[in-house]
């Protein structure tokens, strides 16, 4: 594989996007377990083994109060994903879900915002929405492809990422997946099978040695002195989508076509890939990557029509159900993980068996950070957006953007029944205990219940478990409860475990453990305090 142009070193790509790729192979079990039966669910979601999680297509659930969409068009007839969103909300109403989200749609090219420390006002030519008290646990951001290149819209999405909202998908990683050459470098770094490739620019084309070496790396049979009329390659623009900007051409005609392209646009960059023997179209796998697990939301096989070698549904290809092999499952999950995209579509092309022994039975064609929903809902037999929303009901699993916090911050705890108090907290990345700690003064234990007073209001909680931390040479027994919500800065988490103690006998009231910091995606600065919150003193509890 050839690397020519601005990205001579694949590691440069990794550092640019702050990506660490794990090369460790997926652990395989000795025996596959039997497929789990689903009465009215199509074979597209049959499980291959218990290591792989598929979405429950029967489930209709939702946790979001608001869904904000940035897209190219609000016309439901031409925007299938938006149409699916509206239909999904109707389905939530029919299912009588507890929370029915409000949908806010903004056209990326027309959007603007006013923001300050506490409030973001978003508006375009038709809609307006102000984010003030809305939390990162109840508002979903869907950032479609049209956001990229629209500076103001990108800025808004980045502000929302910074606030800790779940964004599908984050700008940085979406930009990587939208560049086919960067994606190919990422896949190569992760040792994921794909067609041989090289970057093609005007400079490479005009350097005979570089040009010949590039094509030789794409296909070792390429002969600079021969006619090459039997060797075909696939040429793609780097930012194409939906099958546009892709063509198949024989190598003996390639140079003339490239000369024409670069005459029109000298700055254009292309990726050239080897043409592999496809075994009847390709497969698109939608994967949701959460903090502690990955879920395959659905898959479909796209069968090309006529003589067109492309198999994009948007170009007229037919979508049909498919049962993924174990290898295809593992490839899809690994691709989604290294992409860092919460919602990723992985395009896998099965190869004619034995056609390329080096690559194996499957290759990855590309990753999609803004996958359309054309075809997938029809193949699944249910609304795809409902499938995804039903898997996004645990905010503690959301992958949100990292942010720096001080080692001391104000911590707001909502215990229950709206009773809220703000304490001085220590954020301790070295604390791996099962729960964070809060001092509450005197408390009473009665069986499996514990009660104490907060600002004169008596509260009672279930004891969910006990912890026995070792402090010095002594082991302490602590009772663990669940509080309704914890907020640090502008990010919050619901249903958080806290160990209750009378007094910490420290300079802070609250100790935040590593797990909660991870859920909030805070990185702690060891030499700064109150980066996120106003400076406060320790509350006198005892």
Protein backbone atom coordinates (compact mmCIF):
# COMPACT_ATOMS: atom_id res chain seq x y z
CA UNK A 1 0.00 0.00 0.00
CA UNK A 2 1.39 3.38 -0.97
CA UNK A 3 1.30 6.53 1.14
CA UNK A 4 2.03 9.57 -0.96
CA UNK A 5 1.21 13.22 -0.34
CA UNK A 6 0.69 15.09 2.88
CA UNK A 7 0.16 11.99 5.02
CA UNK A 8 3.46 10.18 4.58
CA UNK A 9 3.30 8.62 7.98
CA UNK A 10 0.14 6.89 9.20
CA UNK A 11 1.05 7.78 12.80
CA UNK A 12 0.60 11.44 11.86
CA UNK A 13 -3.03 10.65 11.17
CA UNK A 14 -3.41 8.98 14.56
CA UNK A 15 -1.98 11.97 16.41
CA UNK A 16 -4.03 14.45 14.38
CA UNK A 17 -7.29 12.81 15.44
CA UNK A 18 -5.99 11.74 18.87
CA UNK A 19 -6.72 8.10 18.16
CA UNK A 20 -5.13 5.10 19.79
CA UNK A 21 -5.68 1.87 17.88
CA UNK A 22 -5.66 -1.42 19.73
CA UNK A 23 -4.03 -4.15 17.65
CA UNK A 24 -5.11 -6.87 20.03
CA UNK A 25 -7.23 -9.39 18.16
CA UNK A 26 -10.80 -10.02 19.17
CA UNK A 27 -10.83 -12.92 21.57
CA UNK A 28 -12.46 -15.97 19.98
CA UNK A 29 -14.33 -18.69 21.79
CA UNK A 30 -13.78 -22.37 21.04
CA UNK A 31 -17.38 -23.09 20.21
CA UNK A 32 -20.12 -20.91 18.83
CA UNK A 33 -23.34 -20.92 20.79
CA UNK A 34 -26.67 -21.53 19.15
CA UNK A 35 -28.52 -18.67 17.54
CA UNK A 36 -31.18 -17.06 19.67
CA UNK A 37 -34.64 -17.38 18.15
CA UNK A 38 -36.82 -14.36 17.48
CA UNK A 39 -40.33 -15.11 16.32
CA UNK A 40 -41.06 -12.19 14.03
CA UNK A 41 -37.60 -10.70 13.59
CA UNK A 42 -35.92 -11.24 10.23
CA UNK A 43 -32.71 -13.23 9.93
CA UNK A 44 -30.75 -9.99 9.56
CA UNK A 45 -30.50 -9.84 13.34
CA UNK A 46 -29.85 -13.48 14.17
CA UNK A 47 -26.98 -13.76 16.64
CA UNK A 48 -23.87 -15.68 15.73
CA UNK A 49 -22.58 -16.03 19.28
CA UNK A 50 -23.12 -14.63 22.74
CA UNK A 51 -20.13 -12.27 22.48
CA UNK A 52 -22.03 -10.10 20.01
CA UNK A 53 -25.00 -7.98 21.06
CA UNK A 54 -27.77 -7.19 18.60
CA UNK A 55 -30.43 -4.54 19.15
CA UNK A 56 -33.80 -5.71 20.42
CA UNK A 57 -36.08 -4.83 17.51
CA UNK A 58 -39.23 -5.33 19.56
CA UNK A 59 -38.29 -2.68 22.10
CA UNK A 60 -39.67 0.87 21.78
CA UNK A 61 -38.15 3.20 24.37
CA UNK A 62 -36.63 6.67 24.73
CA UNK A 63 -34.83 8.73 27.36
CA UNK A 64 -34.41 12.06 25.51
CA UNK A 65 -36.64 15.09 26.08
CA UNK A 66 -35.13 16.91 23.11
CA UNK A 67 -33.56 15.81 19.85
CA UNK A 68 -31.68 18.52 17.93
CA UNK A 69 -30.91 17.80 14.28
CA UNK A 70 -28.51 19.74 12.05
CA UNK A 71 -29.05 18.74 8.44
CA UNK A 72 -29.11 19.89 4.81
CA UNK A 73 -32.86 19.95 4.34
CA UNK A 74 -36.00 19.83 6.44
CA UNK A 75 -37.99 18.39 3.52
CA UNK A 76 -39.11 14.95 4.68
CA UNK A 77 -39.55 13.72 1.12
CA UNK A 78 -35.88 14.14 0.27
CA UNK A 79 -34.46 13.55 3.75
CA UNK A 80 -35.12 9.93 4.68
CA UNK A 81 -33.40 10.12 8.07
CA UNK A 82 -35.48 13.13 9.08
CA UNK A 83 -38.62 11.36 7.90
CA UNK A 84 -37.66 8.37 10.06
CA UNK A 85 -37.16 10.68 13.05
CA UNK A 86 -40.67 12.10 12.76
CA UNK A 87 -42.10 8.62 12.31
CA UNK A 88 -40.10 7.34 15.31
CA UNK A 89 -41.62 10.02 17.54
CA UNK A 90 -45.09 9.03 16.35
CA UNK A 91 -44.24 5.42 17.25
CA UNK A 92 -43.17 6.50 20.75
CA UNK A 93 -46.55 8.20 21.17
CA UNK A 94 -48.39 5.08 20.00
CA UNK A 95 -46.36 2.97 22.42
CA UNK A 96 -47.27 5.44 25.21
CA UNK A 97 -43.65 5.94 26.24
CA UNK A 98 -43.08 8.03 29.35
CA UNK A 99 -40.92 10.56 27.50
CA UNK A 100 -41.84 11.90 24.06
CA UNK A 101 -39.00 14.01 22.64
CA UNK A 102 -39.39 17.41 21.06
CA UNK A 103 -37.69 17.52 17.66
CA UNK A 104 -35.75 20.67 16.70
CA UNK A 105 -34.53 20.74 13.10
CA UNK A 106 -32.00 23.29 11.85
CA UNK A 107 -30.61 23.74 8.35
CA UNK A 108 -26.81 23.73 8.67
CA UNK A 109 -26.19 26.42 6.04
CA UNK A 110 -28.62 28.84 7.72
CA UNK A 111 -28.01 28.26 11.41
CA UNK A 112 -26.66 30.83 13.87
CA UNK A 113 -26.28 31.01 17.64
CA UNK A 114 -25.71 33.27 20.62
CA UNK A 115 -23.95 31.69 23.54
CA UNK A 116 -22.66 32.61 26.95
CA UNK A 117 -21.47 30.56 29.88
CA UNK A 118 -24.91 29.19 30.72
CA UNK A 119 -27.08 29.53 27.63
CA UNK A 120 -26.97 28.66 23.93
CA UNK A 121 -29.60 30.12 21.63
CA UNK A 122 -29.81 28.31 18.26
CA UNK A 123 -31.82 29.62 15.33
CA UNK A 124 -32.16 29.46 11.56
CA UNK A 125 -34.66 30.95 9.11
CA UNK A 126 -37.59 29.02 10.66
CA UNK A 127 -36.78 27.59 14.08
CA UNK A 128 -35.36 28.77 17.38
CA UNK A 129 -34.35 26.84 20.50
CA UNK A 130 -32.55 27.93 23.67
CA UNK A 131 -30.51 25.46 25.69
CA UNK A 132 -30.44 26.66 29.26
CA UNK A 133 -31.40 24.15 31.91
CA UNK A 134 -31.41 21.20 29.53
CA UNK A 135 -28.93 18.58 30.67
CA UNK A 136 -26.46 16.40 28.82
CA UNK A 137 -28.52 13.36 29.87
CA UNK A 138 -31.79 14.35 28.21
CA UNK A 139 -30.81 16.02 24.93
CA UNK A 140 -29.51 14.20 21.84
CA UNK A 141 -27.65 15.98 19.04
CA UNK A 142 -27.73 14.49 15.53
CA UNK A 143 -25.11 16.07 13.31
CA UNK A 144 -25.61 15.14 9.66
CA UNK A 145 -23.04 15.35 6.88
CA UNK A 146 -24.13 18.86 5.86
CA UNK A 147 -22.64 20.28 9.09
CA UNK A 148 -19.12 19.78 7.79
CA UNK A 149 -17.90 22.82 5.92
CA UNK A 150 -20.48 25.11 7.56
CA UNK A 151 -18.29 26.95 10.08
CA UNK A 152 -21.08 28.35 12.25
CA UNK A 153 -22.85 25.02 12.47
CA UNK A 154 -19.60 23.22 13.29
CA UNK A 155 -19.02 25.78 16.05
CA UNK A 156 -22.47 25.12 17.52
CA UNK A 157 -22.00 21.36 17.48
CA UNK A 158 -18.59 21.75 19.14
CA UNK A 159 -20.19 23.92 21.86
CA UNK A 160 -22.77 21.19 22.48
CA UNK A 161 -20.04 18.53 22.56
CA UNK A 162 -18.19 20.64 25.13
CA UNK A 163 -21.34 20.79 27.29
CA UNK A 164 -21.33 16.99 27.38
CA UNK A 165 -24.27 16.29 25.09
CA UNK A 166 -24.24 13.02 23.16
CA UNK A 167 -23.49 13.94 19.54
CA UNK A 168 -24.07 11.56 16.66
CA UNK A 169 -21.42 12.05 15.46
CA UNK A 170 -18.59 14.18 16.92
CA UNK A 171 -17.10 16.60 14.37
CA UNK A 172 -13.48 15.44 14.62
CA UNK A 173 -14.13 11.75 14.07
CA UNK A 174 -16.84 12.40 11.49
CA UNK A 175 -14.33 14.40 9.46
CA UNK A 176 -11.88 11.50 9.54
CA UNK A 177 -14.50 9.00 8.37
CA UNK A 178 -15.59 11.42 5.64
CA UNK A 179 -12.08 11.41 4.16
CA UNK A 180 -11.61 8.12 2.34
CA UNK A 181 -7.81 8.27 2.38
CA UNK A 182 -7.62 9.10 6.10
CA UNK A 183 -10.06 6.23 6.71
CA UNK A 184 -7.94 3.82 4.66
CA UNK A 185 -4.87 4.81 6.71
CA UNK A 186 -6.81 4.23 9.93
CA UNK A 187 -7.98 0.80 8.80
CA UNK A 188 -4.44 -0.10 7.75
CA UNK A 189 -3.10 0.93 11.15
CA UNK A 190 -5.72 -1.26 12.82
CA UNK A 191 -4.85 -4.20 10.53
CA UNK A 192 -8.36 -4.40 9.11
CA UNK A 193 -8.64 -6.04 5.66
CA UNK A 194 -9.31 -3.60 2.82
CA UNK A 195 -8.40 -3.22 -0.86
CA UNK A 196 -4.84 -2.04 -1.56
CA UNK A 197 -4.81 1.73 -1.99
CA UNK A 198 -2.76 4.82 -2.69
CA UNK A 199 -3.27 8.57 -2.67
CA UNK A 200 -3.27 10.25 -6.07
CA UNK A 201 -2.49 13.93 -6.63
CA UNK A 202 -1.35 16.04 -9.56
CA UNK A 203 2.19 15.97 -8.19
CA UNK A 204 2.23 12.17 -8.02
CA UNK A 205 0.73 11.88 -11.50
CA UNK A 206 3.46 14.13 -12.94
CA UNK A 207 6.27 12.15 -11.30
CA UNK A 208 6.58 8.99 -13.40
CA UNK A 209 8.46 7.07 -10.71
CA UNK A 210 5.94 7.90 -7.97
CA UNK A 211 2.98 7.23 -10.26
CA UNK A 212 4.22 3.80 -11.35
CA UNK A 213 5.12 2.81 -7.81
CA UNK A 214 1.69 3.89 -6.55
CA UNK A 215 -0.15 1.73 -9.09
CA UNK A 216 2.25 -1.14 -8.45
CA UNK A 217 1.35 -0.97 -4.78
CA UNK A 218 -2.35 -1.01 -5.64
CA UNK A 219 -1.96 -3.98 -7.99
CA UNK A 220 1.35 -5.85 -8.17
CA UNK A 221 0.50 -6.98 -11.72
CA UNK A 222 0.64 -3.42 -12.99
CA UNK A 223 3.38 -3.08 -15.62
CA UNK A 224 4.56 0.48 -16.46
CA UNK A 225 5.72 -0.75 -19.86
CA UNK A 226 2.68 -2.88 -20.67
CA UNK A 227 -0.81 -2.00 -21.92
CA UNK A 228 -2.54 -3.01 -18.63
CA UNK A 229 -5.82 -3.32 -20.45
CA UNK A 230 -6.91 -6.18 -18.18
CA UNK A 231 -6.24 -4.42 -14.87
CA UNK A 232 -9.00 -2.25 -13.43
CA UNK A 233 -8.86 0.02 -10.40
CA UNK A 234 -11.48 1.93 -8.42
CA UNK A 235 -11.01 5.71 -8.22
CA UNK A 236 -12.79 7.81 -5.59
CA UNK A 237 -12.84 11.44 -4.56
CA UNK A 238 -11.94 11.70 -0.88
CA UNK A 239 -15.13 13.36 0.31
CA UNK A 240 -17.72 11.61 -1.85
CA UNK A 241 -20.79 9.94 -0.37
CA UNK A 242 -23.76 7.97 -1.60
CA UNK A 243 -21.66 6.46 -4.37
CA UNK A 244 -20.97 9.78 -6.09
CA UNK A 245 -17.44 10.55 -7.23
CA UNK A 246 -16.59 6.87 -7.73
CA UNK A 247 -15.67 5.14 -10.98
CA UNK A 248 -14.07 1.97 -12.27
CA UNK A 249 -11.41 2.24 -14.97
CA UNK A 250 -8.75 0.16 -16.70
CA UNK A 251 -5.17 1.17 -15.93
CA UNK A 252 -4.27 1.79 -19.57
CA UNK A 253 -6.83 4.62 -19.67
CA UNK A 254 -6.27 5.92 -16.14
CA UNK A 255 -3.55 8.49 -16.79
CA UNK A 256 -5.58 10.36 -19.43
CA UNK A 257 -8.62 10.58 -17.15
CA UNK A 258 -6.50 11.75 -14.22
CA UNK A 259 -4.91 14.43 -16.38
CA UNK A 260 -8.39 15.72 -17.24
CA UNK A 261 -9.47 15.74 -13.60
CA UNK A 262 -6.39 17.63 -12.44
CA UNK A 263 -6.69 20.08 -15.33
CA UNK A 264 -10.13 21.01 -13.97
CA UNK A 265 -9.08 20.97 -10.32
CA UNK A 266 -5.30 20.87 -9.65
CA UNK A 267 -5.84 20.66 -5.88
CA UNK A 268 -8.12 17.63 -6.07
CA UNK A 269 -6.95 14.51 -4.22
CA UNK A 270 -8.14 11.01 -5.05
CA UNK A 271 -7.79 7.56 -3.61
CA UNK A 272 -7.15 4.62 -5.92
CA UNK A 273 -8.04 1.12 -4.74
CA UNK A 274 -7.58 -2.33 -6.18
CA UNK A 275 -10.69 -3.89 -7.66
CA UNK A 276 -11.61 -7.01 -5.75
CA UNK A 277 -14.02 -9.75 -6.83
CA UNK A 278 -17.23 -9.10 -4.94
CA UNK A 279 -19.49 -11.97 -4.03
CA UNK A 280 -22.81 -10.31 -4.86
CA UNK A 281 -22.85 -6.72 -3.58
CA UNK A 282 -21.76 -5.40 -0.20
CA UNK A 283 -23.06 -5.32 3.37
CA UNK A 284 -23.73 -2.26 5.50
CA UNK A 285 -23.59 -2.83 9.27
CA UNK A 286 -24.85 -0.14 11.65
CA UNK A 287 -22.97 -0.25 14.97
CA UNK A 288 -23.63 1.68 18.17
CA UNK A 289 -20.53 2.00 20.37
CA UNK A 290 -21.17 2.75 24.02
CA UNK A 291 -18.84 3.06 26.99
CA UNK A 292 -18.86 -0.60 28.00
CA UNK A 293 -20.40 -2.38 25.04
CA UNK A 294 -21.14 -2.33 21.34
CA UNK A 295 -24.49 -3.09 19.75
CA UNK A 296 -25.16 -4.09 16.16
CA UNK A 297 -28.28 -2.10 15.34
CA UNK A 298 -28.90 -3.80 12.02
CA UNK A 299 -27.37 -4.94 8.77
CA UNK A 300 -28.43 -5.16 5.16
CA UNK A 301 -27.00 -6.51 1.94
CA UNK A 302 -26.98 -4.06 -0.95
CA UNK A 303 -27.30 -5.76 -4.32
CA UNK A 304 -26.22 -3.70 -7.32
CA UNK A 305 -28.54 -3.23 -10.27
CA UNK A 306 -27.53 -3.77 -13.87
CA UNK A 307 -23.92 -3.19 -14.89
CA UNK A 308 -23.16 -0.45 -12.35
CA UNK A 309 -20.49 -1.82 -9.99
CA UNK A 310 -21.67 0.49 -7.18
CA UNK A 311 -24.22 -0.83 -4.70
CA UNK A 312 -25.48 2.30 -2.94
CA UNK A 313 -29.20 2.23 -2.12
CA UNK A 314 -29.35 5.95 -2.96
CA UNK A 315 -28.34 5.01 -6.51
CA UNK A 316 -31.07 2.41 -6.88
CA UNK A 317 -29.45 -0.73 -5.48
CA UNK A 318 -31.78 -3.11 -3.67
CA UNK A 319 -31.43 -3.82 0.05
CA UNK A 320 -32.18 -7.22 1.47
CA UNK A 321 -31.75 -9.03 4.81
CA UNK A 322 -28.41 -10.65 5.55
CA UNK A 323 -27.05 -12.93 8.23
CA UNK A 324 -23.60 -11.79 9.24
CA UNK A 325 -20.81 -14.29 9.61
CA UNK A 326 -18.73 -14.25 12.76
CA UNK A 327 -15.86 -12.65 10.83
CA UNK A 328 -18.14 -9.90 9.49
CA UNK A 329 -19.41 -9.19 13.00
CA UNK A 330 -15.88 -8.90 14.35
CA UNK A 331 -14.75 -6.66 11.48
CA UNK A 332 -17.74 -4.34 11.91
CA UNK A 333 -17.27 -4.02 15.67
CA UNK A 334 -13.52 -3.42 15.39
CA UNK A 335 -14.00 -0.78 12.68
CA UNK A 336 -16.61 1.03 14.76
CA UNK A 337 -14.36 0.97 17.82
CA UNK A 338 -11.29 2.44 16.11
CA UNK A 339 -13.41 5.07 14.33
CA UNK A 340 -14.46 6.55 17.71
CA UNK A 341 -17.91 7.17 16.21
CA UNK A 342 -20.84 6.43 18.56
CA UNK A 343 -22.97 5.58 15.48
CA UNK A 344 -21.00 4.10 12.64
CA UNK A 345 -21.98 2.34 9.43
CA UNK A 346 -19.34 -0.11 8.21
CA UNK A 347 -19.44 -1.17 4.56
CA UNK A 348 -18.09 -4.69 4.14
CA UNK A 349 -17.68 -6.44 0.80
CA UNK A 350 -17.65 -10.26 0.82
CA UNK A 351 -15.13 -11.58 -1.69
CA UNK A 352 -15.39 -14.51 -4.03
CA UNK A 353 -13.84 -17.30 -1.98
CA UNK A 354 -10.17 -17.72 -2.78
CA UNK A 355 -10.01 -14.64 -5.03
CA UNK A 356 -7.53 -12.91 -2.73
CA UNK A 357 -5.95 -15.24 -0.18
CA UNK A 358 -4.02 -12.40 1.43
CA UNK A 359 -7.15 -10.39 2.26
CA UNK A 360 -9.40 -13.32 3.12
CA UNK A 361 -13.16 -13.51 2.70
CA UNK A 362 -14.13 -9.87 3.44
CA UNK A 363 -12.79 -6.37 2.95
CA UNK A 364 -13.95 -3.04 4.37
CA UNK A 365 -14.79 -0.47 1.71
CA UNK A 366 -15.35 2.52 3.97
CA UNK A 367 -16.76 3.90 7.22
CA UNK A 368 -19.74 6.22 7.26
CA UNK A 369 -20.12 8.87 9.97
CA UNK A 370 -23.43 10.13 8.62
CA UNK A 371 -25.18 6.99 7.45
CA UNK A 372 -28.52 7.40 5.78
CA UNK A 373 -31.44 5.21 6.76
CA UNK A 374 -32.46 4.33 3.19
CA UNK A 375 -33.25 0.64 3.07
CA UNK A 376 -32.33 -0.33 6.63
CA UNK A 377 -35.77 0.32 8.17
CA UNK A 378 -37.41 -1.66 5.39
CA UNK A 379 -34.98 -4.56 5.86
CA UNK A 380 -35.41 -4.58 9.65
CA UNK A 381 -39.16 -4.30 9.38
CA UNK A 382 -39.17 -1.57 12.05
CA UNK A 383 -38.20 2.11 12.19
CA UNK A 384 -34.40 2.24 12.48
CA UNK A 385 -34.43 5.43 14.58
CA UNK A 386 -36.65 3.69 17.16
CA UNK A 387 -34.14 0.84 17.28
CA UNK A 388 -31.30 3.26 18.00
CA UNK A 389 -33.22 5.35 20.57
CA UNK A 390 -34.17 2.17 22.45
CA UNK A 391 -30.47 1.37 22.87
CA UNK A 392 -29.65 4.88 24.16
CA UNK A 393 -31.53 4.82 27.45
CA UNK A 394 -28.58 4.67 29.86
CA UNK A 395 -26.78 8.06 30.01
CA UNK A 396 -23.90 6.50 31.96
CA UNK A 397 -23.02 4.60 28.77
CA UNK A 398 -22.86 7.64 26.48
CA UNK A 399 -19.50 8.43 24.93
CA UNK A 400 -19.12 12.18 25.36
CA UNK A 401 -16.25 14.57 24.70
CA UNK A 402 -13.53 14.80 27.30
CA UNK A 403 -13.04 18.03 29.22
CA UNK A 404 -10.57 19.27 31.84
CA UNK A 405 -11.77 19.82 35.41
CA UNK A 406 -9.95 21.08 38.50
CA UNK A 407 -9.05 18.73 41.32
CA UNK A 408 -11.51 20.69 43.45
CA UNK A 409 -14.90 21.77 42.12
CA UNK A 410 -18.35 22.64 43.40
CA UNK A 411 -20.51 19.50 43.32
CA UNK A 412 -24.29 19.81 43.20
CA UNK A 413 -26.17 16.76 44.51
CA UNK A 414 -29.91 16.28 44.09
CA UNK A 415 -30.64 13.63 46.70
CA UNK A 416 -34.34 12.93 46.11
CA UNK A 417 -37.68 14.74 45.92
CA UNK A 418 -35.92 17.84 44.56
CA UNK A 419 -33.72 18.29 47.66
CA UNK A 420 -30.47 19.75 46.29
CA UNK A 421 -27.29 20.94 47.95
CA UNK A 422 -23.92 22.16 46.65
CA UNK A 423 -20.75 20.92 48.32
CA UNK A 424 -17.02 21.37 47.87
CA UNK A 425 -15.73 18.22 46.24
CA UNK A 426 -12.41 16.59 45.52
CA UNK A 427 -12.11 14.89 42.12
CA UNK A 428 -9.89 11.89 42.69
CA UNK A 429 -8.72 9.90 39.65
CA UNK A 430 -6.90 7.53 41.97
CA UNK A 431 -10.06 6.50 43.79
CA UNK A 432 -11.38 3.23 42.39
CA UNK A 433 -13.93 2.55 45.14
CA UNK A 434 -17.42 1.35 44.25
CA UNK A 435 -19.02 4.71 45.08
CA UNK A 436 -18.23 8.36 45.57
CA UNK A 437 -18.45 9.67 49.14
CA UNK A 438 -20.55 12.42 50.75
CA UNK A 439 -20.58 13.52 54.37
CA UNK A 440 -24.08 14.08 55.76
CA UNK A 441 -23.61 14.34 59.53
CA UNK A 442 -25.60 12.05 61.81
CA UNK A 443 -27.59 9.29 60.12
CA UNK A 444 -29.76 6.37 61.27
CA UNK A 445 -29.86 2.86 59.87
CA UNK A 446 -33.04 0.82 60.15
CA UNK A 447 -32.75 -2.56 58.47
CA UNK A 448 -32.17 -1.94 54.76
CA UNK A 449 -32.98 1.79 55.07
CA UNK A 450 -30.82 4.78 55.98
CA UNK A 451 -32.02 8.29 56.84
CA UNK A 452 -30.39 11.66 57.41
CA UNK A 453 -31.19 15.35 57.18
CA UNK A 454 -30.26 17.82 54.41
CA UNK A 455 -30.92 21.47 55.28
CA UNK A 456 -33.55 20.42 57.82
CA UNK A 457 -35.36 18.00 55.50
CA UNK A 458 -35.38 14.39 56.63
CA UNK A 459 -34.66 11.93 53.79
CA UNK A 460 -34.79 8.13 53.72
CA UNK A 461 -33.00 5.90 51.18
CA UNK A 462 -32.68 2.24 50.38
CA UNK A 463 -29.25 0.83 51.14
CA UNK A 464 -28.21 -0.56 47.76
CA UNK A 465 -24.96 -2.12 49.00
CA UNK A 466 -22.18 -1.77 51.52
CA UNK A 467 -18.55 -0.86 50.95
CA UNK A 468 -15.60 -1.68 53.16
CA UNK A 469 -12.75 0.65 52.23
CA UNK A 470 -9.42 0.44 54.01
CA UNK A 471 -8.23 3.76 55.43
CA UNK A 472 -4.71 3.35 56.73
CA UNK A 473 -4.76 0.18 58.80
CA UNK A 474 -8.50 0.36 59.53
CA UNK A 475 -11.39 -1.05 57.52
CA UNK A 476 -14.56 1.05 57.53
CA UNK A 477 -18.11 -0.09 56.80
CA UNK A 478 -20.04 2.36 54.66
CA UNK A 479 -23.62 2.35 53.45
CA UNK A 480 -24.19 3.09 49.76
CA UNK A 481 -27.29 4.85 48.42
CA UNK A 482 -28.36 6.15 45.04
CA UNK A 483 -29.03 9.87 44.63
CA UNK A 484 -31.17 11.27 41.82
CA UNK A 485 -28.52 13.40 40.17
CA UNK A 486 -25.00 14.80 40.46
CA UNK A 487 -23.91 17.90 38.59
CA UNK A 488 -20.37 19.23 38.17
CA UNK A 489 -20.09 22.24 35.92
CA UNK A 490 -22.61 21.89 33.09
CA UNK A 491 -22.56 18.11 33.00
CA UNK A 492 -24.62 15.83 35.14
CA UNK A 493 -25.33 12.16 35.76
CA UNK A 494 -28.48 10.54 37.09
CA UNK A 495 -28.85 7.67 39.59
CA UNK A 496 -25.38 7.93 41.10
CA UNK A 497 -24.05 5.80 43.93
CA UNK A 498 -22.74 7.58 47.03
CA UNK A 499 -21.32 6.13 50.21
CA UNK A 500 -22.72 8.01 53.21
CA UNK A 501 -20.41 9.00 56.07
CA UNK A 502 -20.81 11.28 59.07
CA UNK A 503 -17.69 13.33 58.37
CA UNK A 504 -14.81 13.05 55.91
CA UNK A 505 -12.50 14.93 58.30
CA UNK A 506 -10.91 16.41 55.19
CA UNK A 507 -10.90 19.81 53.51
CA UNK A 508 -13.78 18.82 51.19
CA UNK A 509 -17.30 17.47 51.77
CA UNK A 510 -17.42 15.13 48.80
CA UNK A 511 -15.02 12.70 47.17
CA UNK A 512 -15.76 11.95 43.51
CA UNK A 513 -14.45 8.58 42.40
CA UNK A 514 -12.88 7.51 39.13
CA UNK A 515 -16.05 5.87 37.79
CA UNK A 516 -18.17 9.02 38.05
CA UNK A 517 -15.39 11.10 36.51
CA UNK A 518 -15.30 8.66 33.64
CA UNK A 519 -19.06 8.88 33.09
CA UNK A 520 -18.84 12.68 33.04
CA UNK A 521 -15.75 12.44 30.78
CA UNK A 522 -13.70 14.78 32.96
CA UNK A 523 -9.91 14.75 32.95
CA UNK A 524 -8.53 16.23 36.17
CA UNK A 525 -5.83 18.92 36.23
CA UNK A 526 -3.64 18.12 39.21
CA UNK A 527 -2.56 21.73 39.81
CA UNK A 528 -5.77 23.72 39.29
CA UNK A 529 -9.07 24.13 41.08
CA UNK A 530 -12.52 25.42 40.08
CA UNK A 531 -12.04 25.32 36.34
CA UNK A 532 -15.69 24.40 35.80
CA UNK A 533 -17.44 25.97 38.77
CA UNK A 534 -17.46 29.01 41.00
CA UNK A 535 -15.08 28.84 43.94
CA UNK A 536 -16.74 27.82 47.20
CA UNK A 537 -15.61 26.88 50.71
CA UNK A 538 -16.25 23.59 52.45
CA UNK A 539 -19.78 23.37 53.90
CA UNK A 540 -19.89 22.93 57.68
CA UNK A 541 -21.84 19.66 58.11
CA UNK A 542 -20.76 18.48 61.55
